[in-house]
């Protein structure tokens, strides 16, 4: 319960699962951000949103209770290929400008609309002194579900979740990056040096700020 987000709210989860999802229309499974702001977040224990980094600080800087921001940190090479696939782009390992090849696939992690920045890390955790930013491996996603299930209020009558995909199926065999470890190394260095998200994940994963998703086994 008390789950709020751009892909649906727990309060109407049963009816929402029956609704069709359209990429061009708002609805119970693709919630208008303006509607989210109208509802507010005061009654939410968990908020999910895909939005520019500054949104989190602007909304929760002065929140009366501590907030913990969870950043999913996928394997960087897998994530890059997924982003290229999402944009319908093919990565060219023979290009003279590898940085250009990397950056063209990452419009959601660079520029004004970037979903994570070092500035967010500084403003959200360091400046407030009350909030925190944690990282976690989202693959397989079931581990994170189990971890959060120990923290969130369970539903009285659980709703069956029908997943809807937002990316087309990949063909890793056609991705040139897996055929050359030297290219992979160069690409990883470019990503960590030029994209705050990858630099943060590289530093956070394996540190005390990584969520222990195996804690349920203790």
C-alpha atoms as a PDB file:
ATOM      1  CA  UNK A   1       0.000   0.000   0.000  1.00  0.00           C
ATOM      2  CA  UNK A   2       0.896   3.710  -0.232  1.00  0.00           C
ATOM      3  CA  UNK A   3       2.828   3.177  -3.483  1.00  0.00           C
ATOM      4  CA  UNK A   4       2.647   6.143  -5.846  1.00  0.00           C
ATOM      5  CA  UNK A   5       4.148   6.604  -9.261  1.00  0.00           C
ATOM      6  CA  UNK A   6       4.064   7.361 -12.954  1.00  0.00           C
ATOM      7  CA  UNK A   7       3.257   3.707 -13.749  1.00  0.00           C
ATOM      8  CA  UNK A   8       0.373   3.464 -11.322  1.00  0.00           C
ATOM      9  CA  UNK A   9      -0.840   3.820  -7.733  1.00  0.00           C
ATOM     10  CA  UNK A  10      -1.527   1.033  -5.272  1.00  0.00           C
ATOM     11  CA  UNK A  11      -4.943   2.408  -4.288  1.00  0.00           C
ATOM     12  CA  UNK A  12      -6.452   1.483  -7.680  1.00  0.00           C
ATOM     13  CA  UNK A  13      -4.127  -1.391  -8.590  1.00  0.00           C
ATOM     14  CA  UNK A  14      -6.953  -3.872  -9.202  1.00  0.00           C
ATOM     15  CA  UNK A  15      -8.786  -1.756 -11.766  1.00  0.00           C
ATOM     16  CA  UNK A  16      -5.551  -0.412 -13.261  1.00  0.00           C
ATOM     17  CA  UNK A  17      -4.361  -3.894 -14.256  1.00  0.00           C
ATOM     18  CA  UNK A  18      -7.389  -4.189 -16.532  1.00  0.00           C
ATOM     19  CA  UNK A  19      -6.646  -0.919 -18.312  1.00  0.00           C
ATOM     20  CA  UNK A  20      -4.864  -0.809 -21.651  1.00  0.00           C
ATOM     21  CA  UNK A  21      -1.554   1.026 -21.814  1.00  0.00           C
ATOM     22  CA  UNK A  22      -0.995   3.622 -24.530  1.00  0.00           C
ATOM     23  CA  UNK A  23       2.274   5.433 -25.147  1.00  0.00           C
ATOM     24  CA  UNK A  24       0.327   8.495 -26.277  1.00  0.00           C
ATOM     25  CA  UNK A  25      -2.369   8.694 -23.604  1.00  0.00           C
ATOM     26  CA  UNK A  26      -2.392   9.131 -19.830  1.00  0.00           C
ATOM     27  CA  UNK A  27      -4.242   6.633 -17.700  1.00  0.00           C
ATOM     28  CA  UNK A  28      -4.100   4.552 -14.492  1.00  0.00           C
ATOM     29  CA  UNK A  29      -0.969   2.706 -15.730  1.00  0.00           C
ATOM     30  CA  UNK A  30       0.691   5.767 -17.262  1.00  0.00           C
ATOM     31  CA  UNK A  31      -0.079   8.619 -14.912  1.00  0.00           C
ATOM     32  CA  UNK A  32       0.125  12.256 -15.974  1.00  0.00           C
ATOM     33  CA  UNK A  33       2.878  13.989 -13.910  1.00  0.00           C
ATOM     34  CA  UNK A  34       0.541  16.938 -13.397  1.00  0.00           C
ATOM     35  CA  UNK A  35      -2.019  14.564 -11.910  1.00  0.00           C
ATOM     36  CA  UNK A  36       0.675  13.137  -9.632  1.00  0.00           C
ATOM     37  CA  UNK A  37       1.460  16.629  -8.352  1.00  0.00           C
ATOM     38  CA  UNK A  38      -2.241  17.348  -7.886  1.00  0.00           C
ATOM     39  CA  UNK A  39      -2.678  14.216  -5.757  1.00  0.00           C
ATOM     40  CA  UNK A  40       0.466  15.011  -3.795  1.00  0.00           C
ATOM     41  CA  UNK A  41       2.961  12.708  -2.101  1.00  0.00           C
ATOM     42  CA  UNK A  42       2.116  13.222   1.561  1.00  0.00           C
ATOM     43  CA  UNK A  43       0.384   9.833   1.841  1.00  0.00           C
ATOM     44  CA  UNK A  44       3.050   7.891  -0.107  1.00  0.00           C
ATOM     45  CA  UNK A  45       5.557   5.518   1.453  1.00  0.00           C
ATOM     46  CA  UNK A  46       7.136   4.808  -1.951  1.00  0.00           C
ATOM     47  CA  UNK A  47       7.325   7.097  -4.997  1.00  0.00           C
ATOM     48  CA  UNK A  48       8.422   5.946  -8.455  1.00  0.00           C
ATOM     49  CA  UNK A  49       9.081   8.474 -11.196  1.00  0.00           C
ATOM     50  CA  UNK A  50      11.144   8.799 -14.367  1.00  0.00           C
ATOM     51  CA  UNK A  51      11.941  12.487 -14.405  1.00  0.00           C
ATOM     52  CA  UNK A  52      14.819  14.944 -14.443  1.00  0.00           C
ATOM     53  CA  UNK A  53      17.125  14.767 -11.433  1.00  0.00           C
ATOM     54  CA  UNK A  54      16.222  18.185 -10.024  1.00  0.00           C
ATOM     55  CA  UNK A  55      12.615  17.067  -9.454  1.00  0.00           C
ATOM     56  CA  UNK A  56      13.598  14.928  -6.466  1.00  0.00           C
ATOM     57  CA  UNK A  57      15.380  17.730  -4.706  1.00  0.00           C
ATOM     58  CA  UNK A  58      12.709  20.313  -5.505  1.00  0.00           C
ATOM     59  CA  UNK A  59       9.917  18.073  -4.173  1.00  0.00           C
ATOM     60  CA  UNK A  60      11.581  16.601  -1.109  1.00  0.00           C
ATOM     61  CA  UNK A  61      14.238  19.060   0.072  1.00  0.00           C
ATOM     62  CA  UNK A  62      12.024  20.301   2.890  1.00  0.00           C
ATOM     63  CA  UNK A  63      10.069  17.078   3.451  1.00  0.00           C
ATOM     64  CA  UNK A  64       9.266  16.736   7.176  1.00  0.00           C
ATOM     65  CA  UNK A  65      10.540  13.129   7.339  1.00  0.00           C
ATOM     66  CA  UNK A  66      13.743  11.507   5.991  1.00  0.00           C
ATOM     67  CA  UNK A  67      13.648  10.325   2.382  1.00  0.00           C
ATOM     68  CA  UNK A  68      15.827   7.599   0.874  1.00  0.00           C
ATOM     69  CA  UNK A  69      16.326   7.721  -2.896  1.00  0.00           C
ATOM     70  CA  UNK A  70      17.022   4.338  -4.519  1.00  0.00           C
ATOM     71  CA  UNK A  71      19.010   4.480  -7.771  1.00  0.00           C
ATOM     72  CA  UNK A  72      18.959   1.302  -9.916  1.00  0.00           C
ATOM     73  CA  UNK A  73      22.478   0.577 -11.200  1.00  0.00           C
ATOM     74  CA  UNK A  74      22.436  -1.953 -14.014  1.00  0.00           C
ATOM     75  CA  UNK A  75      25.508  -3.471 -15.603  1.00  0.00           C
ATOM     76  CA  UNK A  76      26.730  -0.395 -17.547  1.00  0.00           C
ATOM     77  CA  UNK A  77      27.406  -2.152 -20.870  1.00  0.00           C
ATOM     78  CA  UNK A  78      24.066  -3.943 -20.798  1.00  0.00           C
ATOM     79  CA  UNK A  79      22.350  -0.686 -19.915  1.00  0.00           C
ATOM     80  CA  UNK A  80      24.045   1.192 -22.758  1.00  0.00           C
ATOM     81  CA  UNK A  81      22.992  -1.433 -25.292  1.00  0.00           C
ATOM     82  CA  UNK A  82      19.451  -1.338 -23.901  1.00  0.00           C
ATOM     83  CA  UNK A  83      19.350   2.442 -24.295  1.00  0.00           C
ATOM     84  CA  UNK A  84      20.641   2.218 -27.864  1.00  0.00           C
ATOM     85  CA  UNK A  85      17.952  -0.367 -28.590  1.00  0.00           C
ATOM     86  CA  UNK A  86      15.265   1.824 -27.011  1.00  0.00           C
ATOM     87  CA  UNK A  87      16.250   4.706 -29.314  1.00  0.00           C
ATOM     88  CA  UNK A  88      16.439   2.454 -32.366  1.00  0.00           C
ATOM     89  CA  UNK A  89      20.175   3.125 -32.777  1.00  0.00           C
ATOM     90  CA  UNK A  90      23.002   0.803 -33.726  1.00  0.00           C
ATOM     91  CA  UNK A  91      26.335   1.195 -31.913  1.00  0.00           C
ATOM     92  CA  UNK A  92      29.304   1.365 -34.284  1.00  0.00           C
ATOM     93  CA  UNK A  93      32.472  -0.051 -32.691  1.00  0.00           C
ATOM     94  CA  UNK A  94      34.539   0.996 -35.730  1.00  0.00           C
ATOM     95  CA  UNK A  95      33.654   4.679 -35.401  1.00  0.00           C
ATOM     96  CA  UNK A  96      36.563   7.080 -34.885  1.00  0.00           C
ATOM     97  CA  UNK A  97      34.573   8.938 -32.222  1.00  0.00           C
ATOM     98  CA  UNK A  98      33.454   6.352 -29.665  1.00  0.00           C
ATOM     99  CA  UNK A  99      32.275   9.058 -27.278  1.00  0.00           C
ATOM    100  CA  UNK A 100      29.792  10.281 -29.858  1.00  0.00           C
ATOM    101  CA  UNK A 101      28.510   6.719 -30.268  1.00  0.00           C
ATOM    102  CA  UNK A 102      28.013   6.435 -26.509  1.00  0.00           C
ATOM    103  CA  UNK A 103      26.396   9.801 -25.930  1.00  0.00           C
ATOM    104  CA  UNK A 104      23.892   9.527 -28.796  1.00  0.00           C
ATOM    105  CA  UNK A 105      22.266   6.599 -26.979  1.00  0.00           C
ATOM    106  CA  UNK A 106      21.951   8.393 -23.623  1.00  0.00           C
ATOM    107  CA  UNK A 107      19.661  11.439 -24.028  1.00  0.00           C
ATOM    108  CA  UNK A 108      17.919  10.610 -20.721  1.00  0.00           C
ATOM    109  CA  UNK A 109      21.191  10.621 -18.776  1.00  0.00           C
ATOM    110  CA  UNK A 110      22.776  13.763 -20.177  1.00  0.00           C
ATOM    111  CA  UNK A 111      21.800  17.394 -20.572  1.00  0.00           C
ATOM    112  CA  UNK A 112      19.053  19.332 -18.841  1.00  0.00           C
ATOM    113  CA  UNK A 113      16.678  16.347 -18.625  1.00  0.00           C
ATOM    114  CA  UNK A 114      19.239  13.958 -17.128  1.00  0.00           C
ATOM    115  CA  UNK A 115      17.643  11.662 -14.577  1.00  0.00           C
ATOM    116  CA  UNK A 116      20.707  11.633 -12.336  1.00  0.00           C
ATOM    117  CA  UNK A 117      23.411  14.228 -11.685  1.00  0.00           C
ATOM    118  CA  UNK A 118      26.150  14.729  -9.121  1.00  0.00           C
ATOM    119  CA  UNK A 119      24.315  17.917  -8.188  1.00  0.00           C
ATOM    120  CA  UNK A 120      21.337  15.825  -7.109  1.00  0.00           C
ATOM    121  CA  UNK A 121      23.634  13.702  -4.957  1.00  0.00           C
ATOM    122  CA  UNK A 122      25.071  16.798  -3.285  1.00  0.00           C
ATOM    123  CA  UNK A 123      21.768  18.608  -2.822  1.00  0.00           C
ATOM    124  CA  UNK A 124      19.670  15.631  -1.822  1.00  0.00           C
ATOM    125  CA  UNK A 125      21.916  13.879   0.678  1.00  0.00           C
ATOM    126  CA  UNK A 126      24.845  16.107   1.625  1.00  0.00           C
ATOM    127  CA  UNK A 127      23.035  19.432   1.878  1.00  0.00           C
ATOM    128  CA  UNK A 128      19.919  18.254   3.699  1.00  0.00           C
ATOM    129  CA  UNK A 129      21.710  16.011   6.179  1.00  0.00           C
ATOM    130  CA  UNK A 130      18.468  14.032   6.575  1.00  0.00           C
ATOM    131  CA  UNK A 131      17.961  12.318   3.230  1.00  0.00           C
ATOM    132  CA  UNK A 132      20.092   9.604   1.638  1.00  0.00           C
ATOM    133  CA  UNK A 133      20.836   8.143  -1.799  1.00  0.00           C
ATOM    134  CA  UNK A 134      21.301   4.381  -2.096  1.00  0.00           C
ATOM    135  CA  UNK A 135      22.072   2.185  -5.095  1.00  0.00           C
ATOM    136  CA  UNK A 136      21.020  -1.355  -6.001  1.00  0.00           C
ATOM    137  CA  UNK A 137      21.275  -3.935  -8.758  1.00  0.00           C
ATOM    138  CA  UNK A 138      17.807  -4.138 -10.373  1.00  0.00           C
ATOM    139  CA  UNK A 139      18.482  -7.449 -12.142  1.00  0.00           C
ATOM    140  CA  UNK A 140      16.697  -9.681 -11.290  1.00  0.00           C
ATOM    141  CA  UNK A 141      13.977  -7.243 -10.270  1.00  0.00           C
ATOM    142  CA  UNK A 142      12.326  -9.799  -7.950  1.00  0.00           C
ATOM    143  CA  UNK A 143      15.041  -9.258  -5.326  1.00  0.00           C
ATOM    144  CA  UNK A 144      14.141  -5.580  -5.025  1.00  0.00           C
ATOM    145  CA  UNK A 145      10.427  -6.437  -4.833  1.00  0.00           C
ATOM    146  CA  UNK A 146      11.120  -8.812  -1.933  1.00  0.00           C
ATOM    147  CA  UNK A 147      13.334  -6.253  -0.188  1.00  0.00           C
ATOM    148  CA  UNK A 148      10.715  -3.495  -0.423  1.00  0.00           C
ATOM    149  CA  UNK A 149       7.979  -5.955   0.485  1.00  0.00           C
ATOM    150  CA  UNK A 150       9.526  -6.194   3.947  1.00  0.00           C
ATOM    151  CA  UNK A 151       9.240  -2.418   4.367  1.00  0.00           C
ATOM    152  CA  UNK A 152       5.912  -1.527   2.778  1.00  0.00           C
ATOM    153  CA  UNK A 153       2.421  -2.239   4.046  1.00  0.00           C
ATOM    154  CA  UNK A 154       0.970  -5.319   2.261  1.00  0.00           C
ATOM    155  CA  UNK A 155      -2.315  -5.069   0.402  1.00  0.00           C
ATOM    156  CA  UNK A 156      -5.381  -6.606   2.036  1.00  0.00           C
ATOM    157  CA  UNK A 157      -6.245  -8.299  -1.285  1.00  0.00           C
ATOM    158  CA  UNK A 158      -3.166  -8.559  -3.553  1.00  0.00           C
ATOM    159  CA  UNK A 159      -3.576  -7.519  -7.178  1.00  0.00           C
ATOM    160  CA  UNK A 160      -2.111  -9.582  -9.994  1.00  0.00           C
ATOM    161  CA  UNK A 161       0.591  -7.592 -11.795  1.00  0.00           C
ATOM    162  CA  UNK A 162       0.549  -7.631 -15.588  1.00  0.00           C
ATOM    163  CA  UNK A 163       3.860  -6.288 -16.857  1.00  0.00           C
ATOM    164  CA  UNK A 164       3.975  -4.089 -19.950  1.00  0.00           C
ATOM    165  CA  UNK A 165       7.191  -3.701 -21.869  1.00  0.00           C
ATOM    166  CA  UNK A 166       8.609  -0.315 -22.844  1.00  0.00           C
ATOM    167  CA  UNK A 167      11.513  -1.518 -24.988  1.00  0.00           C
ATOM    168  CA  UNK A 168      11.732  -3.702 -28.087  1.00  0.00           C
ATOM    169  CA  UNK A 169      13.465  -7.075 -27.897  1.00  0.00           C
ATOM    170  CA  UNK A 170      17.250  -6.880 -28.217  1.00  0.00           C
ATOM    171  CA  UNK A 171      19.512  -9.078 -30.335  1.00  0.00           C
ATOM    172  CA  UNK A 172      22.838  -9.234 -28.424  1.00  0.00           C
ATOM    173  CA  UNK A 173      24.417 -11.295 -31.225  1.00  0.00           C
ATOM    174  CA  UNK A 174      24.287  -8.237 -33.464  1.00  0.00           C
ATOM    175  CA  UNK A 175      25.883  -5.947 -30.844  1.00  0.00           C
ATOM    176  CA  UNK A 176      29.542  -5.426 -31.700  1.00  0.00           C
ATOM    177  CA  UNK A 177      30.638  -4.463 -28.178  1.00  0.00           C
ATOM    178  CA  UNK A 178      30.613  -8.063 -26.936  1.00  0.00           C
ATOM    179  CA  UNK A 179      33.238  -9.114 -29.464  1.00  0.00           C
ATOM    180  CA  UNK A 180      36.032  -6.831 -28.242  1.00  0.00           C
ATOM    181  CA  UNK A 181      37.043  -6.446 -24.571  1.00  0.00           C
ATOM    182  CA  UNK A 182      39.373  -3.543 -25.391  1.00  0.00           C
ATOM    183  CA  UNK A 183      36.451  -1.622 -26.892  1.00  0.00           C
ATOM    184  CA  UNK A 184      34.368  -2.413 -23.823  1.00  0.00           C
ATOM    185  CA  UNK A 185      37.064  -0.954 -21.568  1.00  0.00           C
ATOM    186  CA  UNK A 186      37.243   2.262 -23.619  1.00  0.00           C
ATOM    187  CA  UNK A 187      33.463   2.590 -23.618  1.00  0.00           C
ATOM    188  CA  UNK A 188      33.235   2.089 -19.853  1.00  0.00           C
ATOM    189  CA  UNK A 189      35.838   4.796 -19.259  1.00  0.00           C
ATOM    190  CA  UNK A 190      33.913   7.187 -21.507  1.00  0.00           C
ATOM    191  CA  UNK A 191      30.679   6.445 -19.666  1.00  0.00           C
ATOM    192  CA  UNK A 192      32.129   6.930 -16.176  1.00  0.00           C
ATOM    193  CA  UNK A 193      33.967  10.085 -17.193  1.00  0.00           C
ATOM    194  CA  UNK A 194      31.134  11.819 -19.034  1.00  0.00           C
ATOM    195  CA  UNK A 195      27.891  10.571 -17.464  1.00  0.00           C
ATOM    196  CA  UNK A 196      27.255  11.283 -13.765  1.00  0.00           C
ATOM    197  CA  UNK A 197      24.938   8.280 -13.422  1.00  0.00           C
ATOM    198  CA  UNK A 198      27.626   5.766 -14.362  1.00  0.00           C
ATOM    199  CA  UNK A 199      30.251   7.498 -12.260  1.00  0.00           C
ATOM    200  CA  UNK A 200      27.927   7.383  -9.252  1.00  0.00           C
ATOM    201  CA  UNK A 201      27.031   3.724  -9.780  1.00  0.00           C
ATOM    202  CA  UNK A 202      30.678   2.745 -10.168  1.00  0.00           C
ATOM    203  CA  UNK A 203      31.445   4.397  -6.831  1.00  0.00           C
ATOM    204  CA  UNK A 204      28.299   3.311  -4.996  1.00  0.00           C
ATOM    205  CA  UNK A 205      27.985  -0.361  -5.928  1.00  0.00           C
ATOM    206  CA  UNK A 206      29.978  -2.442  -3.469  1.00  0.00           C
ATOM    207  CA  UNK A 207      30.047   0.390  -0.910  1.00  0.00           C
ATOM    208  CA  UNK A 208      28.047   0.780   2.298  1.00  0.00           C
ATOM    209  CA  UNK A 209      25.452   2.715   0.294  1.00  0.00           C
ATOM    210  CA  UNK A 210      24.476  -0.301  -1.796  1.00  0.00           C
ATOM    211  CA  UNK A 211      21.221  -1.900  -0.657  1.00  0.00           C
ATOM    212  CA  UNK A 212      21.690  -5.430   0.642  1.00  0.00           C
ATOM    213  CA  UNK A 213      18.968  -7.179  -1.350  1.00  0.00           C
ATOM    214  CA  UNK A 214      19.896 -10.531   0.180  1.00  0.00           C
ATOM    215  CA  UNK A 215      19.050  -9.351   3.687  1.00  0.00           C
ATOM    216  CA  UNK A 216      15.771 -11.289   3.588  1.00  0.00           C
ATOM    217  CA  UNK A 217      17.803 -14.479   3.768  1.00  0.00           C
ATOM    218  CA  UNK A 218      19.298 -13.563   7.138  1.00  0.00           C
END
